[in-house]
Full PDB file with SEQRES, HELIX, SHEET, SSBOND, CRYST1, ORIGX, SCALE, CONECT and MASTER records, all heavy atoms in Angstrom:
SEQRES   1 A   33  ASN VAL VAL LYS ALA THR LEU GLY TYR THR ASP ALA GLN          
SEQRES   2 A   33  TRP GLU THR TRP LYS SER ASN PRO ARG ASN LEU GLU ILE          
SEQRES   3 A   33  VAL ASP HIS ILE GLY GLU LEU                                  
HELIX    1 AA1 VAL A    2  LEU A    7  1                                   6    
HELIX    2 AA2 ASP A   11  LYS A   18  1                                   8    
HELIX    3 AA3 PRO A   21  ASP A   28  1                                   8    
CRYST1    1.000    1.000    1.000  90.00  90.00  90.00 P 1           1          
ORIGX1      1.000000  0.000000  0.000000        0.00000                         
ORIGX2      0.000000  1.000000  0.000000        0.00000                         
ORIGX3      0.000000  0.000000  1.000000        0.00000                         
SCALE1      1.000000  0.000000  0.000000        0.00000                         
SCALE2      0.000000  1.000000  0.000000        0.00000                         
SCALE3      0.000000  0.000000  1.000000        0.00000                         
ATOM      1  N   ASN A   1     -45.361   8.034 -29.708  1.00  0.00           N  
ATOM      2  CA  ASN A   1     -46.581   7.658 -30.419  1.00  0.00           C  
ATOM      3  C   ASN A   1     -47.544   6.890 -29.518  1.00  0.00           C  
ATOM      4  O   ASN A   1     -48.759   7.074 -29.590  1.00  0.00           O  
ATOM      5  CB  ASN A   1     -46.256   6.857 -31.671  1.00  0.00           C  
ATOM      6  CG  ASN A   1     -45.631   7.716 -32.748  1.00  0.00           C  
ATOM      7  OD1 ASN A   1     -45.856   8.928 -32.815  1.00  0.00           O  
ATOM      8  ND2 ASN A   1     -44.818   7.100 -33.598  1.00  0.00           N  
ATOM      9  N   VAL A   2     -47.007   6.040 -28.646  1.00  0.00           N  
ATOM     10  CA  VAL A   2     -47.844   5.305 -27.693  1.00  0.00           C  
ATOM     11  C   VAL A   2     -48.516   6.288 -26.733  1.00  0.00           C  
ATOM     12  O   VAL A   2     -49.711   6.181 -26.450  1.00  0.00           O  
ATOM     13  CB  VAL A   2     -47.010   4.258 -26.919  1.00  0.00           C  
ATOM     14  CG1 VAL A   2     -47.784   3.684 -25.750  1.00  0.00           C  
ATOM     15  CG2 VAL A   2     -46.545   3.151 -27.848  1.00  0.00           C  
ATOM     16  N   VAL A   3     -47.745   7.246 -26.239  1.00  0.00           N  
ATOM     17  CA  VAL A   3     -48.296   8.239 -25.314  1.00  0.00           C  
ATOM     18  C   VAL A   3     -49.394   9.045 -25.998  1.00  0.00           C  
ATOM     19  O   VAL A   3     -50.475   9.245 -25.437  1.00  0.00           O  
ATOM     20  CB  VAL A   3     -47.185   9.167 -24.775  1.00  0.00           C  
ATOM     21  CG1 VAL A   3     -47.770  10.341 -24.007  1.00  0.00           C  
ATOM     22  CG2 VAL A   3     -46.218   8.374 -23.904  1.00  0.00           C  
ATOM     23  N   LYS A   4     -49.149   9.497 -27.202  1.00  0.00           N  
ATOM     24  CA  LYS A   4     -50.153  10.286 -27.931  1.00  0.00           C  
ATOM     25  C   LYS A   4     -51.436   9.482 -28.125  1.00  0.00           C  
ATOM     26  O   LYS A   4     -52.539   9.984 -27.886  1.00  0.00           O  
ATOM     27  CB  LYS A   4     -49.613  10.739 -29.286  1.00  0.00           C  
ATOM     28  CG  LYS A   4     -50.623  11.587 -30.069  1.00  0.00           C  
ATOM     29  CD  LYS A   4     -50.110  12.007 -31.416  1.00  0.00           C  
ATOM     30  CE  LYS A   4     -51.164  12.835 -32.124  1.00  0.00           C  
ATOM     31  NZ  LYS A   4     -50.796  13.128 -33.503  1.00  0.00           N  
ATOM     32  N   ALA A   5     -51.304   8.228 -28.513  1.00  0.00           N  
ATOM     33  CA  ALA A   5     -52.480   7.383 -28.727  1.00  0.00           C  
ATOM     34  C   ALA A   5     -53.225   7.144 -27.415  1.00  0.00           C  
ATOM     35  O   ALA A   5     -54.459   7.173 -27.377  1.00  0.00           O  
ATOM     36  CB  ALA A   5     -52.064   6.062 -29.358  1.00  0.00           C  
ATOM     37  N   THR A   6     -52.468   6.931 -26.351  1.00  0.00           N  
ATOM     38  CA  THR A   6     -53.088   6.672 -25.048  1.00  0.00           C  
ATOM     39  C   THR A   6     -53.869   7.886 -24.554  1.00  0.00           C  
ATOM     40  O   THR A   6     -54.979   7.756 -24.047  1.00  0.00           O  
ATOM     41  CB  THR A   6     -52.006   6.294 -24.006  1.00  0.00           C  
ATOM     42  OG1 THR A   6     -51.346   5.111 -24.445  1.00  0.00           O  
ATOM     43  CG2 THR A   6     -52.616   6.057 -22.636  1.00  0.00           C  
ATOM     44  N   LEU A   7     -53.290   9.063 -24.711  1.00  0.00           N  
ATOM     45  CA  LEU A   7     -53.919  10.277 -24.205  1.00  0.00           C  
ATOM     46  C   LEU A   7     -55.011  10.809 -25.134  1.00  0.00           C  
ATOM     47  O   LEU A   7     -55.844  11.602 -24.702  1.00  0.00           O  
ATOM     48  CB  LEU A   7     -52.853  11.347 -23.960  1.00  0.00           C  
ATOM     49  CG  LEU A   7     -51.814  10.969 -22.894  1.00  0.00           C  
ATOM     50  CD1 LEU A   7     -50.734  12.025 -22.806  1.00  0.00           C  
ATOM     51  CD2 LEU A   7     -52.466  10.734 -21.550  1.00  0.00           C  
ATOM     52  N   GLY A   8     -54.996  10.391 -26.387  1.00  0.00           N  
ATOM     53  CA  GLY A   8     -56.046  10.788 -27.326  1.00  0.00           C  
ATOM     54  C   GLY A   8     -56.046  12.264 -27.684  1.00  0.00           C  
ATOM     55  O   GLY A   8     -57.088  12.846 -27.956  1.00  0.00           O  
ATOM     56  N   TYR A   9     -54.874  12.864 -27.714  1.00  0.00           N  
ATOM     57  CA  TYR A   9     -54.765  14.277 -28.028  1.00  0.00           C  
ATOM     58  C   TYR A   9     -55.034  14.565 -29.504  1.00  0.00           C  
ATOM     59  O   TYR A   9     -54.719  13.756 -30.375  1.00  0.00           O  
ATOM     60  CB  TYR A   9     -53.353  14.787 -27.722  1.00  0.00           C  
ATOM     61  CG  TYR A   9     -53.032  14.940 -26.261  1.00  0.00           C  
ATOM     62  CD1 TYR A   9     -51.741  14.722 -25.817  1.00  0.00           C  
ATOM     63  CD2 TYR A   9     -53.980  15.332 -25.329  1.00  0.00           C  
ATOM     64  CE1 TYR A   9     -51.396  14.880 -24.480  1.00  0.00           C  
ATOM     65  CE2 TYR A   9     -53.656  15.494 -23.992  1.00  0.00           C  
ATOM     66  CZ  TYR A   9     -52.370  15.268 -23.583  1.00  0.00           C  
ATOM     67  OH  TYR A   9     -52.034  15.430 -22.265  1.00  0.00           O  
ATOM     68  N   THR A  10     -55.562  15.758 -29.767  1.00  0.00           N  
ATOM     69  CA  THR A  10     -55.614  16.263 -31.132  1.00  0.00           C  
ATOM     70  C   THR A  10     -54.178  16.635 -31.514  1.00  0.00           C  
ATOM     71  O   THR A  10     -53.298  16.726 -30.653  1.00  0.00           O  
ATOM     72  CB  THR A  10     -56.487  17.528 -31.235  1.00  0.00           C  
ATOM     73  OG1 THR A  10     -55.872  18.571 -30.466  1.00  0.00           O  
ATOM     74  CG2 THR A  10     -57.907  17.272 -30.746  1.00  0.00           C  
ATOM     75  N   ASP A  11     -53.948  16.884 -32.787  1.00  0.00           N  
ATOM     76  CA  ASP A  11     -52.605  17.287 -33.221  1.00  0.00           C  
ATOM     77  C   ASP A  11     -52.165  18.577 -32.531  1.00  0.00           C  
ATOM     78  O   ASP A  11     -51.014  18.704 -32.113  1.00  0.00           O  
ATOM     79  CB  ASP A  11     -52.551  17.447 -34.742  1.00  0.00           C  
ATOM     80  CG  ASP A  11     -52.614  16.103 -35.462  1.00  0.00           C  
ATOM     81  OD1 ASP A  11     -52.323  15.064 -34.819  1.00  0.00           O  
ATOM     82  OD2 ASP A  11     -52.955  16.092 -36.656  1.00  0.00           O  
ATOM     83  N   ALA A  12     -53.074  19.527 -32.374  1.00  0.00           N  
ATOM     84  CA  ALA A  12     -52.732  20.793 -31.720  1.00  0.00           C  
ATOM     85  C   ALA A  12     -52.389  20.560 -30.242  1.00  0.00           C  
ATOM     86  O   ALA A  12     -51.408  21.121 -29.727  1.00  0.00           O  
ATOM     87  CB  ALA A  12     -53.890  21.788 -31.849  1.00  0.00           C  
ATOM     88  N   GLN A  13     -53.188  19.750 -29.564  1.00  0.00           N  
ATOM     89  CA  GLN A  13     -52.890  19.441 -28.166  1.00  0.00           C  
ATOM     90  C   GLN A  13     -51.545  18.726 -28.044  1.00  0.00           C  
ATOM     91  O   GLN A  13     -50.770  18.987 -27.127  1.00  0.00           O  
ATOM     92  CB  GLN A  13     -53.992  18.557 -27.560  1.00  0.00           C  
ATOM     93  CG  GLN A  13     -55.304  19.270 -27.362  1.00  0.00           C  
ATOM     94  CD  GLN A  13     -56.412  18.296 -27.001  1.00  0.00           C  
ATOM     95  OE1 GLN A  13     -56.475  17.172 -27.507  1.00  0.00           O  
ATOM     96  NE2 GLN A  13     -57.301  18.741 -26.119  1.00  0.00           N  
ATOM     97  N   TRP A  14     -51.284  17.840 -28.991  1.00  0.00           N  
ATOM     98  CA  TRP A  14     -50.039  17.078 -28.961  1.00  0.00           C  
ATOM     99  C   TRP A  14     -48.831  18.002 -29.093  1.00  0.00           C  
ATOM    100  O   TRP A  14     -47.845  17.858 -28.388  1.00  0.00           O  
ATOM    101  CB  TRP A  14     -50.041  16.010 -30.042  1.00  0.00           C  
ATOM    102  CG  TRP A  14     -48.807  15.169 -30.058  1.00  0.00           C  
ATOM    103  CD1 TRP A  14     -47.897  15.070 -31.054  1.00  0.00           C  
ATOM    104  CD2 TRP A  14     -48.337  14.317 -29.009  1.00  0.00           C  
ATOM    105  NE1 TRP A  14     -46.895  14.207 -30.707  1.00  0.00           N  
ATOM    106  CE2 TRP A  14     -47.140  13.724 -29.443  1.00  0.00           C  
ATOM    107  CE3 TRP A  14     -48.803  13.989 -27.744  1.00  0.00           C  
ATOM    108  CZ2 TRP A  14     -46.409  12.839 -28.671  1.00  0.00           C  
ATOM    109  CZ3 TRP A  14     -48.080  13.108 -26.968  1.00  0.00           C  
ATOM    110  CH2 TRP A  14     -46.890  12.531 -27.435  1.00  0.00           C  
ATOM    111  N   GLU A  15     -48.914  18.944 -30.003  1.00  0.00           N  
ATOM    112  CA  GLU A  15     -47.803  19.876 -30.189  1.00  0.00           C  
ATOM    113  C   GLU A  15     -47.588  20.720 -28.933  1.00  0.00           C  
ATOM    114  O   GLU A  15     -46.452  20.968 -28.536  1.00  0.00           O  
ATOM    115  CB  GLU A  15     -48.035  20.755 -31.421  1.00  0.00           C  
ATOM    116  CG  GLU A  15     -47.925  19.996 -32.730  1.00  0.00           C  
ATOM    117  CD  GLU A  15     -46.619  19.218 -32.872  1.00  0.00           C  
ATOM    118  OE1 GLU A  15     -45.537  19.771 -32.563  1.00  0.00           O  
ATOM    119  OE2 GLU A  15     -46.675  18.037 -33.286  1.00  0.00           O  
ATOM    120  N   THR A  16     -48.669  21.131 -28.295  1.00  0.00           N  
ATOM    121  CA  THR A  16     -48.550  21.881 -27.045  1.00  0.00           C  
ATOM    122  C   THR A  16     -47.906  21.012 -25.968  1.00  0.00           C  
ATOM    123  O   THR A  16     -46.995  21.449 -25.257  1.00  0.00           O  
ATOM    124  CB  THR A  16     -49.933  22.373 -26.574  1.00  0.00           C  
ATOM    125  OG1 THR A  16     -50.481  23.225 -27.580  1.00  0.00           O  
ATOM    126  CG2 THR A  16     -49.843  23.121 -25.256  1.00  0.00           C  
ATOM    127  N   TRP A  17     -48.365  19.765 -25.870  1.00  0.00           N  
ATOM    128  CA  TRP A  17     -47.818  18.832 -24.879  1.00  0.00           C  
ATOM    129  C   TRP A  17     -46.327  18.624 -25.109  1.00  0.00           C  
ATOM    130  O   TRP A  17     -45.536  18.682 -24.176  1.00  0.00           O  
ATOM    131  CB  TRP A  17     -48.584  17.513 -24.954  1.00  0.00           C  
ATOM    132  CG  TRP A  17     -48.195  16.523 -23.907  1.00  0.00           C  
ATOM    133  CD1 TRP A  17     -48.768  16.355 -22.680  1.00  0.00           C  
ATOM    134  CD2 TRP A  17     -47.148  15.542 -23.994  1.00  0.00           C  
ATOM    135  NE1 TRP A  17     -48.136  15.340 -21.997  1.00  0.00           N  
ATOM    136  CE2 TRP A  17     -47.137  14.830 -22.781  1.00  0.00           C  
ATOM    137  CE3 TRP A  17     -46.220  15.208 -24.965  1.00  0.00           C  
ATOM    138  CZ2 TRP A  17     -46.246  13.802 -22.530  1.00  0.00           C  
ATOM    139  CZ3 TRP A  17     -45.326  14.178 -24.714  1.00  0.00           C  
ATOM    140  CH2 TRP A  17     -45.339  13.493 -23.505  1.00  0.00           C  
ATOM    141  N   LYS A  18     -45.942  18.381 -26.365  1.00  0.00           N  
ATOM    142  CA  LYS A  18     -44.535  18.124 -26.698  1.00  0.00           C  
ATOM    143  C   LYS A  18     -43.644  19.344 -26.484  1.00  0.00           C  
ATOM    144  O   LYS A  18     -42.435  19.202 -26.300  1.00  0.00           O  
ATOM    145  CB  LYS A  18     -44.387  17.644 -28.148  1.00  0.00           C  
ATOM    146  CG  LYS A  18     -44.748  16.198 -28.327  1.00  0.00           C  
ATOM    147  CD  LYS A  18     -44.350  15.614 -29.665  1.00  0.00           C  
ATOM    148  CE  LYS A  18     -44.040  16.537 -30.766  1.00  0.00           C  
ATOM    149  NZ  LYS A  18     -43.734  15.914 -32.055  1.00  0.00           N  
ATOM    150  N   SER A  19     -44.223  20.533 -26.490  1.00  0.00           N  
ATOM    151  CA  SER A  19     -43.408  21.741 -26.322  1.00  0.00           C  
ATOM    152  C   SER A  19     -42.949  21.923 -24.874  1.00  0.00           C  
ATOM    153  O   SER A  19     -42.090  22.758 -24.614  1.00  0.00           O  
ATOM    154  CB  SER A  19     -44.177  22.981 -26.786  1.00  0.00           C  
ATOM    155  OG  SER A  19     -45.227  23.279 -25.885  1.00  0.00           O  
ATOM    156  N   ASN A  20     -43.488  21.134 -23.958  1.00  0.00           N  
ATOM    157  CA  ASN A  20     -43.071  21.202 -22.557  1.00  0.00           C  
ATOM    158  C   ASN A  20     -41.945  20.187 -22.345  1.00  0.00           C  
ATOM    159  O   ASN A  20     -42.179  18.983 -22.369  1.00  0.00           O  
ATOM    160  CB  ASN A  20     -44.260  20.879 -21.646  1.00  0.00           C  
ATOM    161  CG  ASN A  20     -43.901  20.944 -20.181  1.00  0.00           C  
ATOM    162  OD1 ASN A  20     -42.734  20.884 -19.793  1.00  0.00           O  
ATOM    163  ND2 ASN A  20     -44.931  21.047 -19.349  1.00  0.00           N  
ATOM    164  N   PRO A  21     -40.710  20.647 -22.145  1.00  0.00           N  
ATOM    165  CA  PRO A  21     -39.577  19.725 -22.014  1.00  0.00           C  
ATOM    166  C   PRO A  21     -39.741  18.727 -20.867  1.00  0.00           C  
ATOM    167  O   PRO A  21     -39.252  17.606 -20.939  1.00  0.00           O  
ATOM    168  CB  PRO A  21     -38.371  20.631 -21.758  1.00  0.00           C  
ATOM    169  CG  PRO A  21     -38.818  22.012 -22.023  1.00  0.00           C  
ATOM    170  CD  PRO A  21     -40.307  22.037 -22.033  1.00  0.00           C  
ATOM    171  N   ARG A  22     -40.450  19.115 -19.835  1.00  0.00           N  
ATOM    172  CA  ARG A  22     -40.650  18.207 -18.696  1.00  0.00           C  
ATOM    173  C   ARG A  22     -41.442  16.973 -19.129  1.00  0.00           C  
ATOM    174  O   ARG A  22     -41.174  15.867 -18.674  1.00  0.00           O  
ATOM    175  CB  ARG A  22     -41.368  18.951 -17.560  1.00  0.00           C  
ATOM    176  CG  ARG A  22     -41.516  18.139 -16.310  1.00  0.00           C  
ATOM    177  CD  ARG A  22     -40.146  17.882 -15.671  1.00  0.00           C  
ATOM    178  NE  ARG A  22     -40.330  17.057 -14.490  1.00  0.00           N  
ATOM    179  CZ  ARG A  22     -39.580  16.022 -14.169  1.00  0.00           C  
ATOM    180  NH1 ARG A  22     -38.555  15.703 -14.911  1.00  0.00           N  
ATOM    181  NH2 ARG A  22     -39.813  15.321 -13.108  1.00  0.00           N  
ATOM    182  N   ASN A  23     -42.407  17.147 -20.000  1.00  0.00           N  
ATOM    183  CA  ASN A  23     -43.175  15.996 -20.487  1.00  0.00           C  
ATOM    184  C   ASN A  23     -42.266  14.989 -21.187  1.00  0.00           C  
ATOM    185  O   ASN A  23     -42.407  13.781 -21.014  1.00  0.00           O  
ATOM    186  CB  ASN A  23     -44.293  16.443 -21.429  1.00  0.00           C  
ATOM    187  CG  ASN A  23     -45.402  17.151 -20.704  1.00  0.00           C  
ATOM    188  OD1 ASN A  23     -45.585  16.972 -19.496  1.00  0.00           O  
ATOM    189  ND2 ASN A  23     -46.148  17.964 -21.424  1.00  0.00           N  
ATOM    190  N   LEU A  24     -41.335  15.496 -21.970  1.00  0.00           N  
ATOM    191  CA  LEU A  24     -40.415  14.605 -22.687  1.00  0.00           C  
ATOM    192  C   LEU A  24     -39.476  13.895 -21.719  1.00  0.00           C  
ATOM    193  O   LEU A  24     -39.144  12.728 -21.918  1.00  0.00           O  
ATOM    194  CB  LEU A  24     -39.642  15.390 -23.741  1.00  0.00           C  
ATOM    195  CG  LEU A  24     -40.519  16.052 -24.813  1.00  0.00           C  
ATOM    196  CD1 LEU A  24     -39.662  16.866 -25.772  1.00  0.00           C  
ATOM    197  CD2 LEU A  24     -41.364  15.030 -25.545  1.00  0.00           C  
ATOM    198  N   GLU A  25     -39.074  14.578 -20.647  1.00  0.00           N  
ATOM    199  CA  GLU A  25     -38.252  13.934 -19.621  1.00  0.00           C  
ATOM    200  C   GLU A  25     -39.012  12.795 -18.951  1.00  0.00           C  
ATOM    201  O   GLU A  25     -38.443  11.741 -18.668  1.00  0.00           O  
ATOM    202  CB  GLU A  25     -37.830  14.959 -18.560  1.00  0.00           C  
ATOM    203  CG  GLU A  25     -36.820  15.967 -19.029  1.00  0.00           C  
ATOM    204  CD  GLU A  25     -36.553  17.022 -17.967  1.00  0.00           C  
ATOM    205  OE1 GLU A  25     -36.700  16.727 -16.760  1.00  0.00           O  
ATOM    206  OE2 GLU A  25     -36.197  18.148 -18.347  1.00  0.00           O  
ATOM    207  N   ILE A  26     -40.286  13.018 -18.690  1.00  0.00           N  
ATOM    208  CA  ILE A  26     -41.111  11.979 -18.060  1.00  0.00           C  
ATOM    209  C   ILE A  26     -41.205  10.761 -18.972  1.00  0.00           C  
ATOM    210  O   ILE A  26     -41.067   9.626 -18.525  1.00  0.00           O  
ATOM    211  CB  ILE A  26     -42.505  12.525 -17.704  1.00  0.00           C  
ATOM    212  CG1 ILE A  26     -42.377  13.545 -16.573  1.00  0.00           C  
ATOM    213  CG2 ILE A  26     -43.458  11.395 -17.314  1.00  0.00           C  
ATOM    214  CD1 ILE A  26     -43.639  14.339 -16.308  1.00  0.00           C  
ATOM    215  N   VAL A  27     -41.406  11.002 -20.260  1.00  0.00           N  
ATOM    216  CA  VAL A  27     -41.492   9.886 -21.215  1.00  0.00           C  
ATOM    217  C   VAL A  27     -40.198   9.076 -21.205  1.00  0.00           C  
ATOM    218  O   VAL A  27     -40.222   7.849 -21.322  1.00  0.00           O  
ATOM    219  CB  VAL A  27     -41.837  10.391 -22.631  1.00  0.00           C  
ATOM    220  CG1 VAL A  27     -41.709   9.281 -23.661  1.00  0.00           C  
ATOM    221  CG2 VAL A  27     -43.262  10.942 -22.657  1.00  0.00           C  
ATOM    222  N   ASP A  28     -39.081   9.739 -21.005  1.00  0.00           N  
ATOM    223  CA  ASP A  28     -37.798   9.026 -20.929  1.00  0.00           C  
ATOM    224  C   ASP A  28     -37.769   8.018 -19.784  1.00  0.00           C  
ATOM    225  O   ASP A  28     -36.993   7.068 -19.810  1.00  0.00           O  
ATOM    226  CB  ASP A  28     -36.637  10.002 -20.755  1.00  0.00           C  
ATOM    227  CG  ASP A  28     -36.262  10.713 -22.040  1.00  0.00           C  
ATOM    228  OD1 ASP A  28     -36.613  10.203 -23.126  1.00  0.00           O  
ATOM    229  OD2 ASP A  28     -35.625  11.783 -21.959  1.00  0.00           O  
ATOM    230  N   HIS A  29     -38.613   8.216 -18.777  1.00  0.00           N  
ATOM    231  CA  HIS A  29     -38.621   7.353 -17.588  1.00  0.00           C  
ATOM    232  C   HIS A  29     -39.853   6.454 -17.488  1.00  0.00           C  
ATOM    233  O   HIS A  29     -40.009   5.758 -16.482  1.00  0.00           O  
ATOM    234  CB  HIS A  29     -38.519   8.211 -16.328  1.00  0.00           C  
ATOM    235  CG  HIS A  29     -37.229   8.951 -16.227  1.00  0.00           C  
ATOM    236  ND1 HIS A  29     -36.072   8.371 -15.756  1.00  0.00           N  
ATOM    237  CD2 HIS A  29     -36.900  10.218 -16.558  1.00  0.00           C  
ATOM    238  CE1 HIS A  29     -35.098   9.250 -15.794  1.00  0.00           C  
ATOM    239  NE2 HIS A  29     -35.564  10.373 -16.288  1.00  0.00           N  
ATOM    240  N   ILE A  30     -40.690   6.468 -18.511  1.00  0.00           N  
ATOM    241  CA  ILE A  30     -41.938   5.703 -18.440  1.00  0.00           C  
ATOM    242  C   ILE A  30     -41.687   4.227 -18.142  1.00  0.00           C  
ATOM    243  O   ILE A  30     -42.393   3.630 -17.336  1.00  0.00           O  
ATOM    244  CB  ILE A  30     -42.779   5.886 -19.728  1.00  0.00           C  
ATOM    245  CG1 ILE A  30     -43.544   7.192 -19.634  1.00  0.00           C  
ATOM    246  CG2 ILE A  30     -43.723   4.721 -19.956  1.00  0.00           C  
ATOM    247  CD1 ILE A  30     -44.459   7.485 -20.786  1.00  0.00           C  
ATOM    248  N   GLY A  31     -40.701   3.648 -18.751  1.00  0.00           N  
ATOM    249  CA  GLY A  31     -40.411   2.233 -18.508  1.00  0.00           C  
ATOM    250  C   GLY A  31     -40.078   1.956 -17.050  1.00  0.00           C  
ATOM    251  O   GLY A  31     -40.459   0.920 -16.503  1.00  0.00           O  
ATOM    252  N   GLU A  32     -39.403   2.888 -16.404  1.00  0.00           N  
ATOM    253  CA  GLU A  32     -39.033   2.723 -14.996  1.00  0.00           C  
ATOM    254  C   GLU A  32     -40.244   2.773 -14.078  1.00  0.00           C  
ATOM    255  O   GLU A  32     -40.257   2.131 -13.023  1.00  0.00           O  
ATOM    256  CB  GLU A  32     -38.052   3.821 -14.581  1.00  0.00           C  
ATOM    257  CG  GLU A  32     -36.717   3.762 -15.298  1.00  0.00           C  
ATOM    258  CD  GLU A  32     -35.890   5.011 -15.027  1.00  0.00           C  
ATOM    259  OE1 GLU A  32     -35.773   5.395 -13.851  1.00  0.00           O  
ATOM    260  OE2 GLU A  32     -35.398   5.587 -16.005  1.00  0.00           O  
ATOM    261  N   LEU A  33     -41.262   3.530 -14.461  1.00  0.00           N  
ATOM    262  CA  LEU A  33     -42.443   3.680 -13.607  1.00  0.00           C  
ATOM    263  C   LEU A  33     -43.103   2.336 -13.320  1.00  0.00           C  
ATOM    264  O   LEU A  33     -43.618   2.109 -12.226  1.00  0.00           O  
ATOM    265  CB  LEU A  33     -43.458   4.629 -14.262  1.00  0.00           C  
ATOM    266  CG  LEU A  33     -42.995   6.065 -14.473  1.00  0.00           C  
ATOM    267  CD1 LEU A  33     -44.049   6.847 -15.251  1.00  0.00           C  
ATOM    268  CD2 LEU A  33     -42.687   6.741 -13.162  1.00  0.00           C  
TER     269      LEU A  33                                                      
MASTER        0    0    0    3    0    0    0    6  268    1    0    3          
END                                                                             
């Protein structure tokens, strides 16, 4: 939810973004960045 708010995606863009498994892997490491 923080990522979605930060990026300002529409719902359609968000669903497209979430459908990429690599994006979800990156979110898993956001705290480490």
